[in-house]
Amino acid sequence: MTGRGLRWQGDGAPDAGAAPTFEYIYEPAPEQIFKDLLPRHVQVQVYRALLESNAAFFAAQAAASAAPTAGTDISQQQEGRAVINEVQTRGAAGTMDQFIEIANASRTESVDLSGWALVDRSSARSSLAGTLAAGAVTQVSAGPALRLGNEGGALVLVDGAGRTVDHVAYTADRVRPGRTIAFGR
């Protein structure tokens, strides 16, 4: 923005020793600048959030594509490994009874879930705690933190150090009210 002009502020002609004060007149006015920039700023922030969400979704989907295929017996996986076994994204009659079932693939070792978390495709996290006994399963409510989409989604199970322990993805055609999505493990 550049000044369009200067205007002397004072009575009469300036004194030789007096410090002049000037008023700068800008084009456009500051109110107009704010009116123009605010909607653009909001638009850029919404667009950035959508890009980040899509990037997280595709990253989780790519990671999940490397997951074991359906029909893999969880007892054949490495000892002490926890896996995401099932997901329910819609309860019966469309209610929001969302949960994730985590299974311990080991027959002999328990898994300490302290510091572990479930992460959805929007990078939202739900912290886990407790111990999962050998061969046991536990259901974790999705709660307000995780967003299990009815149009498909992805979940990542991370340990306390932030390393991926397991990951799954599902598509909209697998979502049914009151039915779980089993990953065959």
Protein backbone atom coordinates (compact mmCIF):
# COMPACT_ATOMS: atom_id res chain seq x y z
CA MET A 1 0.00 0.00 0.00
CA THR A 2 1.36 3.38 -0.85
CA GLY A 3 0.36 6.77 0.37
CA ARG A 4 -1.81 8.64 -2.07
CA GLY A 5 -1.09 12.03 -0.60
CA LEU A 6 -0.11 14.02 2.42
CA ARG A 7 -2.16 16.60 4.19
CA TRP A 8 -0.81 19.18 6.65
CA GLN A 9 -2.45 19.04 10.07
CA GLY A 10 -2.43 22.32 11.90
CA ASP A 11 -3.62 25.92 11.83
CA GLY A 12 -2.20 28.12 9.11
CA ALA A 13 1.25 27.75 7.62
CA PRO A 14 3.82 25.57 9.37
CA ASP A 15 6.35 27.27 11.65
CA ALA A 16 9.97 26.98 10.66
CA GLY A 17 10.87 25.19 13.93
CA ALA A 18 7.69 23.18 14.38
CA ALA A 19 7.70 19.48 13.54
CA PRO A 20 5.07 18.88 10.90
CA THR A 21 2.51 16.11 11.38
CA PHE A 22 1.07 14.40 8.37
CA GLU A 23 -1.93 12.18 7.75
CA TYR A 24 -1.39 9.41 5.22
CA ILE A 25 -4.31 8.54 3.00
CA TYR A 26 -4.26 5.00 1.66
CA GLU A 27 -6.09 3.40 -1.23
CA PRO A 28 -8.02 1.30 -0.50
CA ALA A 29 -9.05 2.16 3.02
CA PRO A 30 -7.93 -0.21 5.82
CA GLU A 31 -11.54 -1.35 6.31
CA GLN A 32 -11.76 -2.36 2.65
CA ILE A 33 -8.44 -4.22 2.87
CA PHE A 34 -9.70 -6.16 5.91
CA LYS A 35 -13.02 -6.85 4.17
CA ASP A 36 -11.17 -8.27 1.12
CA LEU A 37 -8.48 -10.25 2.94
CA LEU A 38 -10.50 -11.94 5.68
CA PRO A 39 -12.63 -14.13 3.35
CA ARG A 40 -9.51 -15.05 1.38
CA HIS A 41 -7.70 -16.02 4.57
CA VAL A 42 -10.60 -18.21 5.72
CA GLN A 43 -10.80 -19.83 2.28
CA VAL A 44 -7.07 -20.65 2.31
CA GLN A 45 -7.30 -22.14 5.82
CA VAL A 46 -10.26 -24.37 4.88
CA TYR A 47 -8.48 -25.48 1.70
CA ARG A 48 -5.31 -26.26 3.70
CA ALA A 49 -7.31 -28.34 6.21
CA LEU A 50 -8.94 -30.31 3.36
CA LEU A 51 -5.56 -30.96 1.75
CA GLU A 52 -4.09 -32.17 5.06
CA SER A 53 -7.09 -34.44 5.65
CA ASN A 54 -6.79 -35.97 2.18
CA ALA A 55 -3.04 -36.41 2.57
CA ALA A 56 -3.52 -38.19 5.92
CA PHE A 57 -6.24 -40.41 4.43
CA PHE A 58 -4.13 -41.48 1.46
CA ALA A 59 -1.07 -42.04 3.67
CA ALA A 60 -3.05 -44.27 6.03
CA GLN A 61 -4.64 -46.07 3.08
CA ALA A 62 -1.22 -46.70 1.51
CA ALA A 63 0.12 -47.99 4.81
CA ALA A 64 -2.92 -50.22 5.30
CA SER A 65 -2.53 -51.75 1.86
CA ALA A 66 0.62 -53.42 3.18
CA ALA A 67 -1.37 -55.04 6.02
CA PRO A 68 -1.84 -58.82 6.08
CA THR A 69 -4.53 -60.06 3.74
CA ALA A 70 -7.91 -61.35 4.83
CA GLY A 71 -7.83 -64.91 6.11
CA THR A 72 -4.48 -64.57 7.89
CA ASP A 73 -4.56 -66.47 11.19
CA ILE A 74 -3.49 -64.03 13.92
CA SER A 75 -1.78 -66.85 15.84
CA GLN A 76 0.75 -67.11 13.00
CA GLN A 77 1.87 -63.51 13.45
CA GLN A 78 4.80 -62.49 15.64
CA GLU A 79 4.59 -63.05 19.38
CA GLY A 80 3.14 -60.24 21.49
CA ARG A 81 1.73 -58.35 18.52
CA ALA A 82 -1.54 -56.49 18.90
CA VAL A 83 -3.71 -56.13 15.81
CA ILE A 84 -6.87 -54.24 14.85
CA ASN A 85 -9.31 -57.12 14.47
CA GLU A 86 -12.71 -55.47 13.85
CA VAL A 87 -14.32 -52.06 13.46
CA GLN A 88 -17.95 -50.99 13.77
CA THR A 89 -18.69 -47.62 12.18
CA ARG A 90 -22.51 -47.63 12.51
CA GLY A 91 -24.65 -49.18 15.19
CA ALA A 92 -28.02 -50.80 14.59
CA ALA A 93 -30.63 -48.43 13.14
CA GLY A 94 -27.92 -45.90 12.31
CA THR A 95 -26.85 -45.18 15.90
CA MET A 96 -23.28 -44.09 16.47
CA ASP A 97 -22.07 -47.14 18.47
CA GLN A 98 -18.59 -47.00 17.01
CA PHE A 99 -15.86 -49.24 18.35
CA ILE A 100 -12.56 -50.85 17.44
CA GLU A 101 -11.61 -54.37 18.55
CA ILE A 102 -7.93 -54.98 19.28
CA ALA A 103 -6.64 -58.55 19.59
CA ASN A 104 -3.40 -59.89 21.04
CA ALA A 105 -1.99 -62.31 18.45
CA SER A 106 0.24 -64.02 21.00
CA ARG A 107 -0.81 -67.19 22.79
CA THR A 108 1.78 -66.73 25.53
CA GLU A 109 2.69 -63.02 25.97
CA SER A 110 0.58 -60.11 27.17
CA VAL A 111 0.87 -56.68 25.55
CA ASP A 112 1.17 -53.49 27.60
CA LEU A 113 -0.90 -50.85 25.81
CA SER A 114 0.31 -47.96 27.99
CA GLY A 115 1.15 -44.99 25.79
CA TRP A 116 -0.29 -46.66 22.68
CA ALA A 117 -2.90 -44.92 20.51
CA LEU A 118 -5.32 -45.43 17.66
CA VAL A 119 -5.01 -42.82 14.87
CA ASP A 120 -7.69 -42.22 12.22
CA ARG A 121 -7.31 -40.86 8.70
CA SER A 122 -7.62 -37.26 9.92
CA SER A 123 -4.73 -37.86 12.36
CA ALA A 124 -7.06 -37.71 15.38
CA ARG A 125 -5.75 -39.85 18.25
CA SER A 126 -7.36 -41.93 20.96
CA SER A 127 -5.01 -43.01 23.73
CA LEU A 128 -4.97 -46.59 25.01
CA ALA A 129 -3.97 -47.98 28.40
CA GLY A 130 -3.91 -51.26 30.27
CA THR A 131 -2.64 -54.72 29.46
CA LEU A 132 -4.02 -57.09 26.85
CA ALA A 133 -3.60 -60.71 27.97
CA ALA A 134 -2.28 -63.38 25.61
CA GLY A 135 -4.93 -64.32 23.03
CA ALA A 136 -7.38 -61.75 24.46
CA VAL A 137 -9.42 -59.11 22.68
CA THR A 138 -10.69 -55.74 23.87
CA GLN A 139 -13.19 -53.31 22.44
CA VAL A 140 -12.29 -49.62 22.44
CA SER A 141 -15.01 -47.04 21.97
CA ALA A 142 -14.23 -44.61 19.16
CA GLY A 143 -15.62 -41.88 21.39
CA PRO A 144 -15.48 -38.26 20.28
CA ALA A 145 -11.80 -38.39 19.29
CA LEU A 146 -11.82 -40.84 16.39
CA ARG A 147 -13.86 -40.43 13.22
CA LEU A 148 -14.80 -43.77 11.70
CA GLY A 149 -16.26 -42.76 8.37
CA ASN A 150 -19.19 -44.52 6.76
CA GLU A 151 -17.63 -43.73 3.37
CA GLY A 152 -14.53 -45.75 4.18
CA GLY A 153 -11.62 -45.08 6.44
CA ALA A 154 -8.32 -46.15 7.85
CA LEU A 155 -6.93 -46.76 11.34
CA VAL A 156 -3.38 -47.08 12.56
CA LEU A 157 -2.34 -48.64 15.88
CA VAL A 158 0.86 -47.02 17.19
CA ASP A 159 2.99 -47.95 20.19
CA GLY A 160 4.35 -45.60 22.86
CA ALA A 161 7.31 -44.65 20.64
CA GLY A 162 4.97 -43.70 17.76
CA ARG A 163 5.88 -46.74 15.64
CA THR A 164 3.14 -48.36 13.55
CA VAL A 165 2.12 -51.70 15.05
CA ASP A 166 -0.85 -52.38 12.76
CA HIS A 167 -3.00 -50.60 10.20
CA VAL A 168 -6.25 -51.34 8.41
CA ALA A 169 -8.44 -49.71 5.79
CA TYR A 170 -12.02 -50.30 4.75
CA THR A 171 -14.29 -49.05 1.97
CA ALA A 172 -17.88 -47.80 2.02
CA ASP A 173 -19.22 -51.06 0.56
CA ARG A 174 -18.20 -52.88 3.77
CA VAL A 175 -20.18 -50.54 6.09
CA ARG A 176 -23.52 -51.95 7.29
CA PRO A 177 -25.66 -50.73 10.23
CA GLY A 178 -25.12 -52.91 13.30
CA ARG A 179 -22.42 -55.04 11.61
CA THR A 180 -18.75 -55.09 12.30
CA ILE A 181 -16.07 -54.97 9.64
CA ALA A 182 -13.79 -57.94 10.32
CA PHE A 183 -10.29 -57.88 8.94
CA GLY A 184 -9.96 -61.68 8.95
CA ARG A 185 -7.12 -61.92 11.42
